[in-house]
C-alpha atoms as a PDB file:
ATOM      1  CA  MET A   1      65.528 130.663 108.961  1.00  0.00           C
ATOM      2  CA  GLY A   2      67.533 127.854 110.595  1.00  0.00           C
ATOM      3  CA  ALA A   3      66.769 128.764 114.191  1.00  0.00           C
ATOM      4  CA  MET A   4      63.108 127.908 113.615  1.00  0.00           C
ATOM      5  CA  HIS A   5      63.806 124.206 113.023  1.00  0.00           C
ATOM      6  CA  ARG A   6      65.582 121.266 114.670  1.00  0.00           C
ATOM      7  CA  ILE A   7      66.617 117.919 113.212  1.00  0.00           C
ATOM      8  CA  THR A   8      66.851 114.671 115.154  1.00  0.00           C
ATOM      9  CA  LEU A   9      68.482 111.575 113.700  1.00  0.00           C
ATOM     10  CA  LEU A  10      67.380 108.318 115.312  1.00  0.00           C
ATOM     11  CA  GLY A  11      69.811 105.499 114.671  1.00  0.00           C
ATOM     12  CA  ARG A  12      72.173 102.993 116.245  1.00  0.00           C
ATOM     13  CA  ALA A  13      75.833 102.086 116.227  1.00  0.00           C
ATOM     14  CA  GLY A  14      77.012  99.963 113.309  1.00  0.00           C
ATOM     15  CA  CYS A  15      74.219 101.085 110.971  1.00  0.00           C
ATOM     16  CA  HIS A  16      75.613 101.997 107.528  1.00  0.00           C
ATOM     17  CA  LEU A  17      72.392 103.751 106.505  1.00  0.00           C
ATOM     18  CA  CYS A  18      72.721 105.856 109.669  1.00  0.00           C
ATOM     19  CA  ASP A  19      76.224 106.834 108.572  1.00  0.00           C
ATOM     20  CA  ASP A  20      74.839 107.943 105.186  1.00  0.00           C
ATOM     21  CA  ALA A  21      71.994 109.874 106.835  1.00  0.00           C
ATOM     22  CA  ARG A  22      74.410 111.572 109.239  1.00  0.00           C
ATOM     23  CA  GLU A  23      76.465 112.894 106.321  1.00  0.00           C
ATOM     24  CA  VAL A  24      73.432 114.354 104.541  1.00  0.00           C
ATOM     25  CA  ILE A  25      72.017 115.881 107.723  1.00  0.00           C
ATOM     26  CA  ALA A  26      75.352 117.378 108.771  1.00  0.00           C
ATOM     27  CA  LYS A  27      75.782 118.939 105.331  1.00  0.00           C
ATOM     28  CA  VAL A  28      72.293 120.441 105.065  1.00  0.00           C
ATOM     29  CA  ALA A  29      72.114 121.508 108.720  1.00  0.00           C
ATOM     30  CA  GLY A  30      75.549 123.114 108.479  1.00  0.00           C
ATOM     31  CA  GLU A  31      74.682 125.040 105.337  1.00  0.00           C
ATOM     32  CA  LEU A  32      71.364 126.270 106.758  1.00  0.00           C
ATOM     33  CA  GLY A  33      72.488 126.802 110.355  1.00  0.00           C
ATOM     34  CA  VAL A  34      69.955 124.320 111.721  1.00  0.00           C
ATOM     35  CA  PRO A  35      70.789 122.538 114.990  1.00  0.00           C
ATOM     36  CA  TRP A  36      70.659 118.757 114.985  1.00  0.00           C
ATOM     37  CA  GLU A  37      71.165 115.891 117.356  1.00  0.00           C
ATOM     38  CA  GLU A  38      71.543 112.163 117.134  1.00  0.00           C
ATOM     39  CA  VAL A  39      69.729 109.742 119.438  1.00  0.00           C
ATOM     40  CA  ASP A  40      70.591 106.036 119.710  1.00  0.00           C
ATOM     41  CA  ILE A  41      67.319 104.105 119.652  1.00  0.00           C
ATOM     42  CA  ASP A  42      68.925 101.426 121.791  1.00  0.00           C
ATOM     43  CA  SER A  43      68.989 103.946 124.650  1.00  0.00           C
ATOM     44  CA  SER A  44      65.217 103.597 125.050  1.00  0.00           C
ATOM     45  CA  GLN A  45      62.874 100.620 124.905  1.00  0.00           C
ATOM     46  CA  GLU A  46      60.136 102.968 123.689  1.00  0.00           C
ATOM     47  CA  LEU A  47      62.271 104.100 120.726  1.00  0.00           C
ATOM     48  CA  ARG A  48      63.249 100.493 119.917  1.00  0.00           C
ATOM     49  CA  ASP A  49      59.595  99.436 119.974  1.00  0.00           C
ATOM     50  CA  LYS A  50      58.437 102.371 117.868  1.00  0.00           C
ATOM     51  CA  TYR A  51      61.184 102.489 115.220  1.00  0.00           C
ATOM     52  CA  GLY A  52      62.801  99.018 115.330  1.00  0.00           C
ATOM     53  CA  GLU A  53      64.117  98.300 111.847  1.00  0.00           C
ATOM     54  CA  MET A  54      63.027 101.616 110.309  1.00  0.00           C
ATOM     55  CA  ILE A  55      66.295 103.323 111.186  1.00  0.00           C
ATOM     56  CA  PRO A  56      67.644 105.725 110.444  1.00  0.00           C
ATOM     57  CA  VAL A  57      64.644 107.933 111.105  1.00  0.00           C
ATOM     58  CA  THR A  58      64.848 111.660 110.583  1.00  0.00           C
ATOM     59  CA  LEU A  59      62.611 113.962 112.601  1.00  0.00           C
ATOM     60  CA  VAL A  60      62.134 117.622 111.753  1.00  0.00           C
ATOM     61  CA  ASP A  61      60.747 119.595 114.671  1.00  0.00           C
ATOM     62  CA  GLY A  62      59.826 116.325 116.384  1.00  0.00           C
ATOM     63  CA  VAL A  63      57.771 115.009 113.437  1.00  0.00           C
ATOM     64  CA  GLN A  64      58.899 112.017 111.387  1.00  0.00           C
ATOM     65  CA  HIS A  65      60.251 113.267 108.083  1.00  0.00           C
ATOM     66  CA  ASP A  66      62.081 110.297 106.503  1.00  0.00           C
ATOM     67  CA  PHE A  67      63.284 106.803 107.302  1.00  0.00           C
ATOM     68  CA  TRP A  68      65.941 104.501 105.809  1.00  0.00           C
ATOM     69  CA  ARG A  69      67.257 107.109 103.355  1.00  0.00           C
ATOM     70  CA  VAL A  70      67.508 110.869 103.748  1.00  0.00           C
ATOM     71  CA  SER A  71      66.855 112.925 100.628  1.00  0.00           C
ATOM     72  CA  GLU A  72      69.019 116.032 100.699  1.00  0.00           C
ATOM     73  CA  GLU A  73      66.539 117.930  98.514  1.00  0.00           C
ATOM     74  CA  ARG A  74      63.495 116.913 100.573  1.00  0.00           C
ATOM     75  CA  LEU A  75      65.237 117.765 103.855  1.00  0.00           C
ATOM     76  CA  ARG A  76      66.406 121.120 102.533  1.00  0.00           C
ATOM     77  CA  GLY A  77      62.869 121.858 101.340  1.00  0.00           C
ATOM     78  CA  ALA A  78      61.360 121.061 104.735  1.00  0.00           C
ATOM     79  CA  LEU A  79      63.859 123.336 106.459  1.00  0.00           C
ATOM     80  CA  THR A  80      63.448 126.299 104.130  1.00  0.00           C
ATOM     81  CA  GLN A  81      59.679 126.501 104.078  1.00  0.00           C
ATOM     82  CA  PRO A  82      58.051 128.815 106.635  1.00  0.00           C
END
């Protein structure tokens, strides 16, 4: 199940909402065996322009899933559906 999906957290240093999102993602990804990565939006002008103040942004399989807050239930649901 988990190998079919990938989570990307877009955030930046010093962002308390990013810290909260990281905890939820790490928990759900760990339980389901889903790989995840974190990308600092300040590493790319394109990411800064696109996401600006929306962070944290959660992508599932490269598609925007959530921003600002990560719902554990919603994330789990997206990762367990075929």
